[in-house]
Structure formats: structure tokens, C-alpha cells
């Protein structure tokens, strides 16, 4: 692996999705690197506390929304109750939108942040 290929691999590892390399003519020692940057932003869903829903409702909806275990959903519900909110999911924007939509089905309050 050349030095350039190793550097490009490092860029891919930190989230650059598309890289291109154009070399000069044969014998030309210069090169030009064209980098098209599309960093995949990590988004997240926060769930807020309210005085309307029971623990059982919140736990059930969390399991449905984020496909977590009963124990994980209980921990998140307690965090929401005690701290006023909990960060419940990380992912791409469309995944966060889906999770938020499932939580909204029963009227839970969420926020998507990027």
C-alpha cells in the first residue's frame, strides 16, 4: 500500500465516504488529490419527561422504537423520570426520524439533534 493509499484509508476511517485520486502523466512526480467530502453526521434522539405517560407505556414504546431489551428501556425511562430527559438513540437522520415517529405515536416528546 502506498503512502497515499494509506492516508486515504485514514480519511475513510473517520467518515469520508468518497475519495478520488488522479495522478499526473507517466513520469510526473506531482499528483493531485480530489476529495469529495460527505461526512455522515451522527444524529440522536432525546426523549423528554412528561406527567402524562406511565412507566409501562414509555418502556413499551422504547422497546418498539429502538429494539432494546426490557432492562435497557427501564433504565432509559428512569433516566427520563429523574433527569427530565434521556438520550435514547444515535444513528442516521432517517433512522432518528423513524424512532422519533414511533415515540410520537403515543404522544411522547422527543427532539432530534445533529
PDB file of N, CA and C in Angstrom:
ATOM      1  N   UNK A   1       0.851  -1.177   0.000  1.00  0.00           N
ATOM      2  CA  UNK A   1       0.000   0.000   0.000  1.00  0.00           C
ATOM      3  C   UNK A   1       0.894   1.236   0.000  1.00  0.00           C
ATOM      4  N   UNK A   2       0.614   2.157  -0.906  1.00  0.00           N
ATOM      5  CA  UNK A   2       1.400   3.382  -0.986  1.00  0.00           C
ATOM      6  C   UNK A   2       1.051   4.317   0.178  1.00  0.00           C
ATOM      7  N   UNK A   3       1.880   5.322   0.350  1.00  0.00           N
ATOM      8  CA  UNK A   3       1.630   6.317   1.389  1.00  0.00           C
ATOM      9  C   UNK A   3       0.274   6.978   1.158  1.00  0.00           C
ATOM     10  N   UNK A   4       0.004   7.312  -0.112  1.00  0.00           N
ATOM     11  CA  UNK A   4      -1.246   7.991  -0.438  1.00  0.00           C
ATOM     12  C   UNK A   4      -2.454   7.111  -0.132  1.00  0.00           C
ATOM     13  N   UNK A   5      -2.374   5.833  -0.505  1.00  0.00           N
ATOM     14  CA  UNK A   5      -3.478   4.918  -0.230  1.00  0.00           C
ATOM     15  C   UNK A   5      -3.702   4.789   1.273  1.00  0.00           C
ATOM     16  N   UNK A   6      -2.610   4.768   2.038  1.00  0.00           N
ATOM     17  CA  UNK A   6      -2.728   4.684   3.499  1.00  0.00           C
ATOM     18  C   UNK A   6      -3.425   5.918   4.058  1.00  0.00           C
ATOM     19  N   UNK A   7      -3.076   7.101   3.541  1.00  0.00           N
ATOM     20  CA  UNK A   7      -3.721   8.333   4.005  1.00  0.00           C
ATOM     21  C   UNK A   7      -5.205   8.343   3.636  1.00  0.00           C
ATOM     22  N   UNK A   8      -5.526   7.919   2.428  1.00  0.00           N
ATOM     23  CA  UNK A   8      -6.919   7.881   2.007  1.00  0.00           C
ATOM     24  C   UNK A   8      -7.721   6.902   2.863  1.00  0.00           C
ATOM     25  N   UNK A   9      -7.090   5.810   3.254  1.00  0.00           N
ATOM     26  CA  UNK A   9      -7.746   4.846   4.136  1.00  0.00           C
ATOM     27  C   UNK A   9      -8.071   5.494   5.482  1.00  0.00           C
ATOM     28  N   UNK A  10      -7.154   6.329   5.972  1.00  0.00           N
ATOM     29  CA  UNK A  10      -7.402   7.038   7.234  1.00  0.00           C
ATOM     30  C   UNK A  10      -8.598   7.971   7.100  1.00  0.00           C
ATOM     31  N   UNK A  11      -8.724   8.671   5.952  1.00  0.00           N
ATOM     32  CA  UNK A  11      -9.874   9.540   5.735  1.00  0.00           C
ATOM     33  C   UNK A  11     -11.164   8.737   5.765  1.00  0.00           C
ATOM     34  N   UNK A  12     -11.170   7.567   5.125  1.00  0.00           N
ATOM     35  CA  UNK A  12     -12.370   6.730   5.114  1.00  0.00           C
ATOM     36  C   UNK A  12     -12.737   6.315   6.531  1.00  0.00           C
ATOM     37  N   UNK A  13     -11.722   6.023   7.349  1.00  0.00           N
ATOM     38  CA  UNK A  13     -11.967   5.569   8.720  1.00  0.00           C
ATOM     39  C   UNK A  13     -12.654   6.625   9.570  1.00  0.00           C
ATOM     40  N   UNK A  14     -12.479   7.904   9.231  1.00  0.00           N
ATOM     41  CA  UNK A  14     -13.103   8.958  10.039  1.00  0.00           C
ATOM     42  C   UNK A  14     -14.367   9.506   9.397  1.00  0.00           C
ATOM     43  N   UNK A  15     -14.866   8.847   8.339  1.00  0.00           N
ATOM     44  CA  UNK A  15     -16.185   9.219   7.851  1.00  0.00           C
ATOM     45  C   UNK A  15     -16.252   9.837   6.482  1.00  0.00           C
ATOM     46  N   UNK A  16     -15.148   9.998   5.768  1.00  0.00           N
ATOM     47  CA  UNK A  16     -15.212  10.496   4.404  1.00  0.00           C
ATOM     48  C   UNK A  16     -15.721   9.361   3.537  1.00  0.00           C
ATOM     49  N   UNK A  17     -16.801   9.588   2.823  1.00  0.00           N
ATOM     50  CA  UNK A  17     -17.441   8.482   2.137  1.00  0.00           C
ATOM     51  C   UNK A  17     -16.948   8.262   0.716  1.00  0.00           C
ATOM     52  N   UNK A  18     -16.401   9.267   0.082  1.00  0.00           N
ATOM     53  CA  UNK A  18     -15.986   9.087  -1.307  1.00  0.00           C
ATOM     54  C   UNK A  18     -14.680   9.813  -1.542  1.00  0.00           C
ATOM     55  N   UNK A  19     -13.701   9.099  -2.034  1.00  0.00           N
ATOM     56  CA  UNK A  19     -12.395   9.682  -2.292  1.00  0.00           C
ATOM     57  C   UNK A  19     -11.977   9.352  -3.706  1.00  0.00           C
ATOM     58  N   UNK A  20     -11.290  10.287  -4.364  1.00  0.00           N
ATOM     59  CA  UNK A  20     -10.783  10.046  -5.705  1.00  0.00           C
ATOM     60  C   UNK A  20      -9.329  10.480  -5.752  1.00  0.00           C
ATOM     61  N   UNK A  21      -8.567   9.828  -6.628  1.00  0.00           N
ATOM     62  CA  UNK A  21      -7.166  10.154  -6.791  1.00  0.00           C
ATOM     63  C   UNK A  21      -6.878  10.230  -8.273  1.00  0.00           C
ATOM     64  N   UNK A  22      -6.257  11.312  -8.704  1.00  0.00           N
ATOM     65  CA  UNK A  22      -5.856  11.444 -10.093  1.00  0.00           C
ATOM     66  C   UNK A  22      -4.363  11.717 -10.122  1.00  0.00           C
ATOM     67  N   UNK A  23      -3.634  10.870 -10.813  1.00  0.00           N
ATOM     68  CA  UNK A  23      -2.190  11.040 -10.936  1.00  0.00           C
ATOM     69  C   UNK A  23      -1.883  11.794 -12.212  1.00  0.00           C
ATOM     70  N   UNK A  24      -0.726  12.433 -12.250  1.00  0.00           N
ATOM     71  CA  UNK A  24      -0.274  13.113 -13.452  1.00  0.00           C
ATOM     72  C   UNK A  24       0.149  12.095 -14.497  1.00  0.00           C
ATOM     73  N   UNK A  25       0.720  12.587 -15.562  1.00  0.00           N
ATOM     74  CA  UNK A  25       1.162  11.692 -16.623  1.00  0.00           C
ATOM     75  C   UNK A  25       2.330  10.853 -16.141  1.00  0.00           C
ATOM     76  N   UNK A  26       2.616   9.791 -16.872  1.00  0.00           N
ATOM     77  CA  UNK A  26       3.702   8.870 -16.501  1.00  0.00           C
ATOM     78  C   UNK A  26       5.008   9.652 -16.361  1.00  0.00           C
ATOM     79  N   UNK A  27       5.690   9.411 -15.279  1.00  0.00           N
ATOM     80  CA  UNK A  27       6.942  10.103 -15.025  1.00  0.00           C
ATOM     81  C   UNK A  27       6.766  11.393 -14.251  1.00  0.00           C
ATOM     82  N   UNK A  28       5.579  11.889 -14.181  1.00  0.00           N
ATOM     83  CA  UNK A  28       5.299  13.107 -13.436  1.00  0.00           C
ATOM     84  C   UNK A  28       5.282  12.755 -11.954  1.00  0.00           C
ATOM     85  N   UNK A  29       6.061  13.448 -11.166  1.00  0.00           N
ATOM     86  CA  UNK A  29       6.135  13.131  -9.738  1.00  0.00           C
ATOM     87  C   UNK A  29       5.095  13.870  -8.921  1.00  0.00           C
ATOM     88  N   UNK A  30       4.403  14.816  -9.527  1.00  0.00           N
ATOM     89  CA  UNK A  30       3.363  15.528  -8.780  1.00  0.00           C
ATOM     90  C   UNK A  30       2.063  14.747  -8.881  1.00  0.00           C
ATOM     91  N   UNK A  31       1.166  15.009  -7.985  1.00  0.00           N
ATOM     92  CA  UNK A  31      -0.149  14.384  -8.037  1.00  0.00           C
ATOM     93  C   UNK A  31      -1.172  15.350  -7.495  1.00  0.00           C
ATOM     94  N   UNK A  32      -2.395  15.078  -7.822  1.00  0.00           N
ATOM     95  CA  UNK A  32      -3.494  15.901  -7.350  1.00  0.00           C
ATOM     96  C   UNK A  32      -4.505  14.981  -6.693  1.00  0.00           C
ATOM     97  N   UNK A  33      -4.915  15.310  -5.523  1.00  0.00           N
ATOM     98  CA  UNK A  33      -5.917  14.507  -4.814  1.00  0.00           C
ATOM     99  C   UNK A  33      -7.218  15.287  -4.792  1.00  0.00           C
ATOM    100  N   UNK A  34      -8.241  14.681  -5.296  1.00  0.00           N
ATOM    101  CA  UNK A  34      -9.569  15.274  -5.247  1.00  0.00           C
ATOM    102  C   UNK A  34     -10.354  14.549  -4.181  1.00  0.00           C
ATOM    103  N   UNK A  35     -10.804  15.261  -3.211  1.00  0.00           N
ATOM    104  CA  UNK A  35     -11.525  14.643  -2.115  1.00  0.00           C
ATOM    105  C   UNK A  35     -12.925  15.231  -2.080  1.00  0.00           C
ATOM    106  N   UNK A  36     -13.907  14.370  -2.276  1.00  0.00           N
ATOM    107  CA  UNK A  36     -15.288  14.795  -2.155  1.00  0.00           C
ATOM    108  C   UNK A  36     -15.725  14.411  -0.749  1.00  0.00           C
ATOM    109  N   UNK A  37     -16.081  15.397   0.027  1.00  0.00           N
ATOM    110  CA  UNK A  37     -16.358  15.165   1.432  1.00  0.00           C
ATOM    111  C   UNK A  37     -17.849  15.006   1.654  1.00  0.00           C
ATOM    112  N   UNK A  38     -18.209  13.908   2.244  1.00  0.00           N
ATOM    113  CA  UNK A  38     -19.576  13.704   2.690  1.00  0.00           C
ATOM    114  C   UNK A  38     -19.475  13.007   4.039  1.00  0.00           C
ATOM    115  N   UNK A  39     -19.366  13.797   5.069  1.00  0.00           N
ATOM    116  CA  UNK A  39     -19.238  13.239   6.403  1.00  0.00           C
ATOM    117  C   UNK A  39     -20.626  12.838   6.878  1.00  0.00           C
ATOM    118  N   UNK A  40     -20.744  11.609   7.277  1.00  0.00           N
ATOM    119  CA  UNK A  40     -22.031  11.139   7.781  1.00  0.00           C
ATOM    120  C   UNK A  40     -22.222  11.672   9.186  1.00  0.00           C
ATOM    121  N   UNK A  41     -23.083  12.648   9.299  1.00  0.00           N
ATOM    122  CA  UNK A  41     -23.359  13.254  10.589  1.00  0.00           C
ATOM    123  C   UNK A  41     -24.133  12.264  11.451  1.00  0.00           C
ATOM    124  N   UNK A  42     -23.695  12.138  12.658  1.00  0.00           N
ATOM    125  CA  UNK A  42     -24.408  11.282  13.596  1.00  0.00           C
ATOM    126  C   UNK A  42     -25.495  12.119  14.262  1.00  0.00           C
ATOM    127  N   UNK A  43     -26.710  11.631  14.198  1.00  0.00           N
ATOM    128  CA  UNK A  43     -27.856  12.303  14.791  1.00  0.00           C
ATOM    129  C   UNK A  43     -28.284  11.532  16.028  1.00  0.00           C
ATOM    130  N   UNK A  44     -29.063  12.158  16.860  1.00  0.00           N
ATOM    131  CA  UNK A  44     -29.529  11.492  18.066  1.00  0.00           C
ATOM    132  C   UNK A  44     -30.943  11.907  18.425  1.00  0.00           C
ATOM    133  N   UNK A  45     -31.593  11.044  19.192  1.00  0.00           N
ATOM    134  CA  UNK A  45     -32.957  11.314  19.652  1.00  0.00           C
ATOM    135  C   UNK A  45     -32.936  11.430  21.174  1.00  0.00           C
ATOM    136  N   UNK A  46     -33.488  12.538  21.657  1.00  0.00           N
ATOM    137  CA  UNK A  46     -33.669  12.744  23.093  1.00  0.00           C
ATOM    138  C   UNK A  46     -35.148  12.585  23.406  1.00  0.00           C
ATOM    139  N   UNK A  47     -35.426  11.939  24.508  1.00  0.00           N
ATOM    140  CA  UNK A  47     -36.796  11.749  24.982  1.00  0.00           C
ATOM    141  C   UNK A  47     -36.992  12.583  26.240  1.00  0.00           C
ATOM    142  N   UNK A  48     -38.069  13.355  26.268  1.00  0.00           N
ATOM    143  CA  UNK A  48     -38.349  14.245  27.404  1.00  0.00           C
ATOM    144  C   UNK A  48     -39.408  13.664  28.332  1.00  0.00           C
ATOM    145  N   UNK A  49     -39.300  14.028  29.580  1.00  0.00           N
ATOM    146  CA  UNK A  49     -40.254  13.601  30.595  1.00  0.00           C
ATOM    147  C   UNK A  49     -41.571  14.351  30.427  1.00  0.00           C
ATOM    148  N   UNK A  50     -42.642  13.690  30.802  1.00  0.00           N
ATOM    149  CA  UNK A  50     -43.942  14.348  30.892  1.00  0.00           C
ATOM    150  C   UNK A  50     -44.704  13.735  32.060  1.00  0.00           C
ATOM    151  N   UNK A  51     -45.796  14.326  32.398  1.00  0.00           N
ATOM    152  CA  UNK A  51     -46.601  13.848  33.521  1.00  0.00           C
ATOM    153  C   UNK A  51     -47.826  13.084  33.044  1.00  0.00           C
ATOM    154  N   UNK A  52     -47.827  12.673  31.784  1.00  0.00           N
ATOM    155  CA  UNK A  52     -48.991  12.030  31.184  1.00  0.00           C
ATOM    156  C   UNK A  52     -48.839  10.517  31.098  1.00  0.00           C
ATOM    157  N   UNK A  53     -47.666  10.061  30.658  1.00  0.00           N
ATOM    158  CA  UNK A  53     -47.470   8.638  30.354  1.00  0.00           C
ATOM    159  C   UNK A  53     -46.946   7.858  31.554  1.00  0.00           C
ATOM    160  N   UNK A  54     -47.377   6.617  31.645  1.00  0.00           N
ATOM    161  CA  UNK A  54     -46.894   5.733  32.711  1.00  0.00           C
ATOM    162  C   UNK A  54     -45.541   5.164  32.321  1.00  0.00           C
ATOM    163  N   UNK A  55     -44.845   4.623  33.304  1.00  0.00           N
ATOM    164  CA  UNK A  55     -43.566   3.966  33.027  1.00  0.00           C
ATOM    165  C   UNK A  55     -43.767   2.822  32.032  1.00  0.00           C
ATOM    166  N   UNK A  56     -44.840   2.073  32.221  1.00  0.00           N
ATOM    167  CA  UNK A  56     -45.101   0.932  31.343  1.00  0.00           C
ATOM    168  C   UNK A  56     -45.291   1.361  29.898  1.00  0.00           C
ATOM    169  N   UNK A  57     -45.996   2.476  29.689  1.00  0.00           N
ATOM    170  CA  UNK A  57     -46.202   2.984  28.328  1.00  0.00           C
ATOM    171  C   UNK A  57     -44.872   3.402  27.690  1.00  0.00           C
ATOM    172  N   UNK A  58     -44.076   4.125  28.447  1.00  0.00           N
ATOM    173  CA  UNK A  58     -42.787   4.601  27.936  1.00  0.00           C
ATOM    174  C   UNK A  58     -41.869   3.419  27.627  1.00  0.00           C
ATOM    175  N   UNK A  59     -41.805   2.470  28.548  1.00  0.00           N
ATOM    176  CA  UNK A  59     -40.952   1.288  28.356  1.00  0.00           C
ATOM    177  C   UNK A  59     -41.378   0.511  27.117  1.00  0.00           C
ATOM    178  N   UNK A  60     -42.650   0.279  26.977  1.00  0.00           N
ATOM    179  CA  UNK A  60     -43.164  -0.457  25.831  1.00  0.00           C
ATOM    180  C   UNK A  60     -42.843   0.255  24.518  1.00  0.00           C
ATOM    181  N   UNK A  61     -43.015   1.566  24.504  1.00  0.00           N
ATOM    182  CA  UNK A  61     -42.770   2.323  23.275  1.00  0.00           C
ATOM    183  C   UNK A  61     -41.280   2.395  22.958  1.00  0.00           C
ATOM    184  N   UNK A  62     -40.439   2.486  23.972  1.00  0.00           N
ATOM    185  CA  UNK A  62     -38.987   2.465  23.738  1.00  0.00           C
ATOM    186  C   UNK A  62     -38.551   1.142  23.122  1.00  0.00           C
ATOM    187  N   UNK A  63     -39.076   0.048  23.632  1.00  0.00           N
ATOM    188  CA  UNK A  63     -38.743  -1.274  23.073  1.00  0.00           C
ATOM    189  C   UNK A  63     -39.146  -1.321  21.601  1.00  0.00           C
ATOM    190  N   UNK A  64     -40.313  -0.815  21.305  1.00  0.00           N
ATOM    191  CA  UNK A  64     -40.807  -0.796  19.924  1.00  0.00           C
ATOM    192  C   UNK A  64     -39.950   0.120  19.039  1.00  0.00           C
ATOM    193  N   UNK A  65     -39.569   1.282  19.560  1.00  0.00           N
ATOM    194  CA  UNK A  65     -38.859   2.285  18.760  1.00  0.00           C
ATOM    195  C   UNK A  65     -37.398   1.943  18.504  1.00  0.00           C
ATOM    196  N   UNK A  66     -36.703   1.465  19.537  1.00  0.00           N
ATOM    197  CA  UNK A  66     -35.256   1.269  19.384  1.00  0.00           C
ATOM    198  C   UNK A  66     -34.821  -0.190  19.484  1.00  0.00           C
ATOM    199  N   UNK A  67     -35.782  -1.080  19.555  1.00  0.00           N
ATOM    200  CA  UNK A  67     -35.487  -2.529  19.607  1.00  0.00           C
ATOM    201  C   UNK A  67     -34.475  -2.866  20.704  1.00  0.00           C
ATOM    202  N   UNK A  68     -34.750  -2.360  21.886  1.00  0.00           N
ATOM    203  CA  UNK A  68     -33.862  -2.623  23.020  1.00  0.00           C
ATOM    204  C   UNK A  68     -34.501  -3.651  23.948  1.00  0.00           C
ATOM    205  N   UNK A  69     -33.727  -4.053  24.937  1.00  0.00           N
ATOM    206  CA  UNK A  69     -34.242  -5.001  25.924  1.00  0.00           C
ATOM    207  C   UNK A  69     -35.157  -4.286  26.911  1.00  0.00           C
ATOM    208  N   UNK A  70     -35.919  -5.071  27.624  1.00  0.00           N
ATOM    209  CA  UNK A  70     -36.778  -4.540  28.686  1.00  0.00           C
ATOM    210  C   UNK A  70     -35.935  -3.769  29.704  1.00  0.00           C
ATOM    211  N   UNK A  71     -34.810  -4.335  30.094  1.00  0.00           N
ATOM    212  CA  UNK A  71     -33.940  -3.688  31.078  1.00  0.00           C
ATOM    213  C   UNK A  71     -33.405  -2.350  30.605  1.00  0.00           C
ATOM    214  N   UNK A  72     -32.981  -2.289  29.345  1.00  0.00           N
ATOM    215  CA  UNK A  72     -32.468  -1.030  28.781  1.00  0.00           C
ATOM    216  C   UNK A  72     -33.584   0.017  28.734  1.00  0.00           C
ATOM    217  N   UNK A  73     -34.778  -0.392  28.334  1.00  0.00           N
ATOM    218  CA  UNK A  73     -35.912   0.529  28.273  1.00  0.00           C
ATOM    219  C   UNK A  73     -36.266   1.044  29.669  1.00  0.00           C
ATOM    220  N   UNK A  74     -36.200   0.173  30.664  1.00  0.00           N
ATOM    221  CA  UNK A  74     -36.466   0.596  32.047  1.00  0.00           C
ATOM    222  C   UNK A  74     -35.432   1.610  32.507  1.00  0.00           C
ATOM    223  N   UNK A  75     -34.156   1.354  32.204  1.00  0.00           N
ATOM    224  CA  UNK A  75     -33.096   2.300  32.577  1.00  0.00           C
ATOM    225  C   UNK A  75     -33.324   3.666  31.929  1.00  0.00           C
ATOM    226  N   UNK A  76     -33.666   3.666  30.652  1.00  0.00           N
ATOM    227  CA  UNK A  76     -33.926   4.929  29.955  1.00  0.00           C
ATOM    228  C   UNK A  76     -35.140   5.648  30.532  1.00  0.00           C
ATOM    229  N   UNK A  77     -36.190   4.906  30.850  1.00  0.00           N
ATOM    230  CA  UNK A  77     -37.392   5.513  31.440  1.00  0.00           C
ATOM    231  C   UNK A  77     -37.074   6.150  32.785  1.00  0.00           C
ATOM    232  N   UNK A  78     -36.257   5.492  33.601  1.00  0.00           N
ATOM    233  CA  UNK A  78     -35.873   6.066  34.890  1.00  0.00           C
ATOM    234  C   UNK A  78     -35.008   7.316  34.701  1.00  0.00           C
ATOM    235  N   UNK A  79     -34.119   7.292  33.703  1.00  0.00           N
ATOM    236  CA  UNK A  79     -33.301   8.476  33.426  1.00  0.00           C
ATOM    237  C   UNK A  79     -34.184   9.643  33.027  1.00  0.00           C
ATOM    238  N   UNK A  80     -35.151   9.391  32.154  1.00  0.00           N
ATOM    239  CA  UNK A  80     -36.096  10.438  31.745  1.00  0.00           C
ATOM    240  C   UNK A  80     -36.828  10.981  32.965  1.00  0.00           C
ATOM    241  N   UNK A  81     -37.298  10.092  33.815  1.00  0.00           N
ATOM    242  CA  UNK A  81     -38.054  10.489  35.003  1.00  0.00           C
ATOM    243  C   UNK A  81     -37.197  11.321  35.960  1.00  0.00           C
ATOM    244  N   UNK A  82     -35.975  10.884  36.205  1.00  0.00           N
ATOM    245  CA  UNK A  82     -35.112  11.536  37.199  1.00  0.00           C
ATOM    246  C   UNK A  82     -34.405  12.780  36.684  1.00  0.00           C
ATOM    247  N   UNK A  83     -34.045  12.796  35.398  1.00  0.00           N
ATOM    248  CA  UNK A  83     -33.251  13.905  34.867  1.00  0.00           C
ATOM    249  C   UNK A  83     -34.026  14.822  33.918  1.00  0.00           C
ATOM    250  N   UNK A  84     -35.250  14.431  33.580  1.00  0.00           N
ATOM    251  CA  UNK A  84     -36.045  15.270  32.701  1.00  0.00           C
ATOM    252  C   UNK A  84     -35.923  14.914  31.225  1.00  0.00           C
ATOM    253  N   UNK A  85     -34.864  14.227  30.870  1.00  0.00           N
ATOM    254  CA  UNK A  85     -34.689  13.762  29.505  1.00  0.00           C
ATOM    255  C   UNK A  85     -33.625  12.680  29.478  1.00  0.00           C
ATOM    256  N   UNK A  86     -33.621  11.921  28.391  1.00  0.00           N
ATOM    257  CA  UNK A  86     -32.588  10.901  28.184  1.00  0.00           C
ATOM    258  C   UNK A  86     -32.283  10.827  26.702  1.00  0.00           C
ATOM    259  N   UNK A  87     -31.025  10.633  26.404  1.00  0.00           N
ATOM    260  CA  UNK A  87     -30.595  10.410  25.024  1.00  0.00           C
ATOM    261  C   UNK A  87     -30.844   8.927  24.748  1.00  0.00           C
ATOM    262  N   UNK A  88     -31.765   8.622  23.823  1.00  0.00           N
ATOM    263  CA  UNK A  88     -32.207   7.235  23.666  1.00  0.00           C
ATOM    264  C   UNK A  88     -31.730   6.555  22.393  1.00  0.00           C
ATOM    265  N   UNK A  89     -31.210   7.330  21.419  1.00  0.00           N
ATOM    266  CA  UNK A  89     -30.842   6.694  20.151  1.00  0.00           C
ATOM    267  C   UNK A  89     -29.846   7.555  19.393  1.00  0.00           C
ATOM    268  N   UNK A  90     -28.900   6.902  18.702  1.00  0.00           N
ATOM    269  CA  UNK A  90     -27.969   7.544  17.777  1.00  0.00           C
ATOM    270  C   UNK A  90     -28.044   6.839  16.443  1.00  0.00           C
ATOM    271  N   UNK A  91     -27.977   7.583  15.349  1.00  0.00           N
ATOM    272  CA  UNK A  91     -27.978   6.976  14.032  1.00  0.00           C
ATOM    273  C   UNK A  91     -28.070   8.021  12.945  1.00  0.00           C
ATOM    274  N   UNK A  92     -28.320   7.559  11.726  1.00  0.00           N
ATOM    275  CA  UNK A  92     -28.522   8.469  10.599  1.00  0.00           C
ATOM    276  C   UNK A  92     -29.846   9.197  10.795  1.00  0.00           C
ATOM    277  N   UNK A  93     -29.986  10.327  10.096  1.00  0.00           N
ATOM    278  CA  UNK A  93     -31.165  11.162  10.293  1.00  0.00           C
ATOM    279  C   UNK A  93     -32.462  10.402  10.041  1.00  0.00           C
ATOM    280  N   UNK A  94     -32.507   9.617   8.954  1.00  0.00           N
ATOM    281  CA  UNK A  94     -33.758   8.913   8.647  1.00  0.00           C
ATOM    282  C   UNK A  94     -34.095   7.877   9.717  1.00  0.00           C
ATOM    283  N   UNK A  95     -33.076   7.271  10.327  1.00  0.00           N
ATOM    284  CA  UNK A  95     -33.323   6.325  11.424  1.00  0.00           C
ATOM    285  C   UNK A  95     -33.857   7.063  12.644  1.00  0.00           C
ATOM    286  N   UNK A  96     -33.274   8.226  12.931  1.00  0.00           N
ATOM    287  CA  UNK A  96     -33.745   9.030  14.067  1.00  0.00           C
ATOM    288  C   UNK A  96     -35.176   9.512  13.845  1.00  0.00           C
ATOM    289  N   UNK A  97     -35.486   9.864  12.617  1.00  0.00           N
ATOM    290  CA  UNK A  97     -36.841  10.292  12.297  1.00  0.00           C
ATOM    291  C   UNK A  97     -37.838   9.158  12.535  1.00  0.00           C
ATOM    292  N   UNK A  98     -37.453   7.942  12.158  1.00  0.00           N
ATOM    293  CA  UNK A  98     -38.322   6.783  12.377  1.00  0.00           C
ATOM    294  C   UNK A  98     -38.522   6.547  13.872  1.00  0.00           C
ATOM    295  N   UNK A  99     -37.422   6.562  14.656  1.00  0.00           N
ATOM    296  CA  UNK A  99     -37.502   6.352  16.104  1.00  0.00           C
ATOM    297  C   UNK A  99     -38.380   7.418  16.749  1.00  0.00           C
ATOM    298  N   UNK A 100     -38.147   8.666  16.379  1.00  0.00           N
ATOM    299  CA  UNK A 100     -38.946   9.753  16.930  1.00  0.00           C
ATOM    300  C   UNK A 100     -40.420   9.571  16.586  1.00  0.00           C
ATOM    301  N   UNK A 101     -40.700   9.147  15.362  1.00  0.00           N
ATOM    302  CA  UNK A 101     -42.085   8.913  14.937  1.00  0.00           C
ATOM    303  C   UNK A 101     -42.765   7.830  15.744  1.00  0.00           C
ATOM    304  N   UNK A 102     -42.052   6.757  16.040  1.00  0.00           N
ATOM    305  CA  UNK A 102     -42.624   5.672  16.857  1.00  0.00           C
ATOM    306  C   UNK A 102     -42.911   6.181  18.265  1.00  0.00           C
ATOM    307  N   UNK A 103     -42.017   6.976  18.824  1.00  0.00           N
ATOM    308  CA  UNK A 103     -42.246   7.522  20.165  1.00  0.00           C
ATOM    309  C   UNK A 103     -43.415   8.510  20.161  1.00  0.00           C
ATOM    310  N   UNK A 104     -43.567   9.234  19.074  1.00  0.00           N
ATOM    311  CA  UNK A 104     -44.681  10.196  18.955  1.00  0.00           C
ATOM    312  C   UNK A 104     -46.030   9.512  18.805  1.00  0.00           C
ATOM    313  N   UNK A 105     -46.038   8.241  18.399  1.00  0.00           N
ATOM    314  CA  UNK A 105     -47.309   7.530  18.219  1.00  0.00           C
ATOM    315  C   UNK A 105     -48.217   7.614  19.446  1.00  0.00           C
ATOM    316  N   UNK A 106     -47.609   7.634  20.621  1.00  0.00           N
ATOM    317  CA  UNK A 106     -48.402   7.729  21.851  1.00  0.00           C
ATOM    318  C   UNK A 106     -48.292   9.107  22.496  1.00  0.00           C
ATOM    319  N   UNK A 107     -47.666  10.055  21.788  1.00  0.00           N
ATOM    320  CA  UNK A 107     -47.598  11.417  22.277  1.00  0.00           C
ATOM    321  C   UNK A 107     -46.386  11.735  23.122  1.00  0.00           C
ATOM    322  N   UNK A 108     -45.341  10.912  23.064  1.00  0.00           N
ATOM    323  CA  UNK A 108     -44.117  11.231  23.793  1.00  0.00           C
ATOM    324  C   UNK A 108     -43.402  12.395  23.118  1.00  0.00           C
ATOM    325  N   UNK A 109     -42.700  13.181  23.917  1.00  0.00           N
ATOM    326  CA  UNK A 109     -41.994  14.353  23.411  1.00  0.00           C
ATOM    327  C   UNK A 109     -40.548  14.009  23.136  1.00  0.00           C
ATOM    328  N   UNK A 110     -40.088  14.287  21.910  1.00  0.00           N
ATOM    329  CA  UNK A 110     -38.704  13.994  21.529  1.00  0.00           C
ATOM    330  C   UNK A 110     -38.082  15.184  20.824  1.00  0.00           C
ATOM    331  N   UNK A 111     -36.777  15.102  20.683  1.00  0.00           N
ATOM    332  CA  UNK A 111     -36.031  16.071  19.888  1.00  0.00           C
ATOM    333  C   UNK A 111     -34.946  15.315  19.147  1.00  0.00           C
ATOM    334  N   UNK A 112     -34.774  15.629  17.864  1.00  0.00           N
ATOM    335  CA  UNK A 112     -33.677  15.052  17.079  1.00  0.00           C
ATOM    336  C   UNK A 112     -32.592  16.105  17.015  1.00  0.00           C
ATOM    337  N   UNK A 113     -31.374  15.676  17.356  1.00  0.00           N
ATOM    338  CA  UNK A 113     -30.244  16.610  17.326  1.00  0.00           C
ATOM    339  C   UNK A 113     -29.112  16.040  16.497  1.00  0.00           C
ATOM    340  N   UNK A 114     -28.406  16.927  15.807  1.00  0.00           N
ATOM    341  CA  UNK A 114     -27.277  16.511  14.976  1.00  0.00           C
ATOM    342  C   UNK A 114     -26.018  17.221  15.352  1.00  0.00           C
TER     343      UNK A 114
END
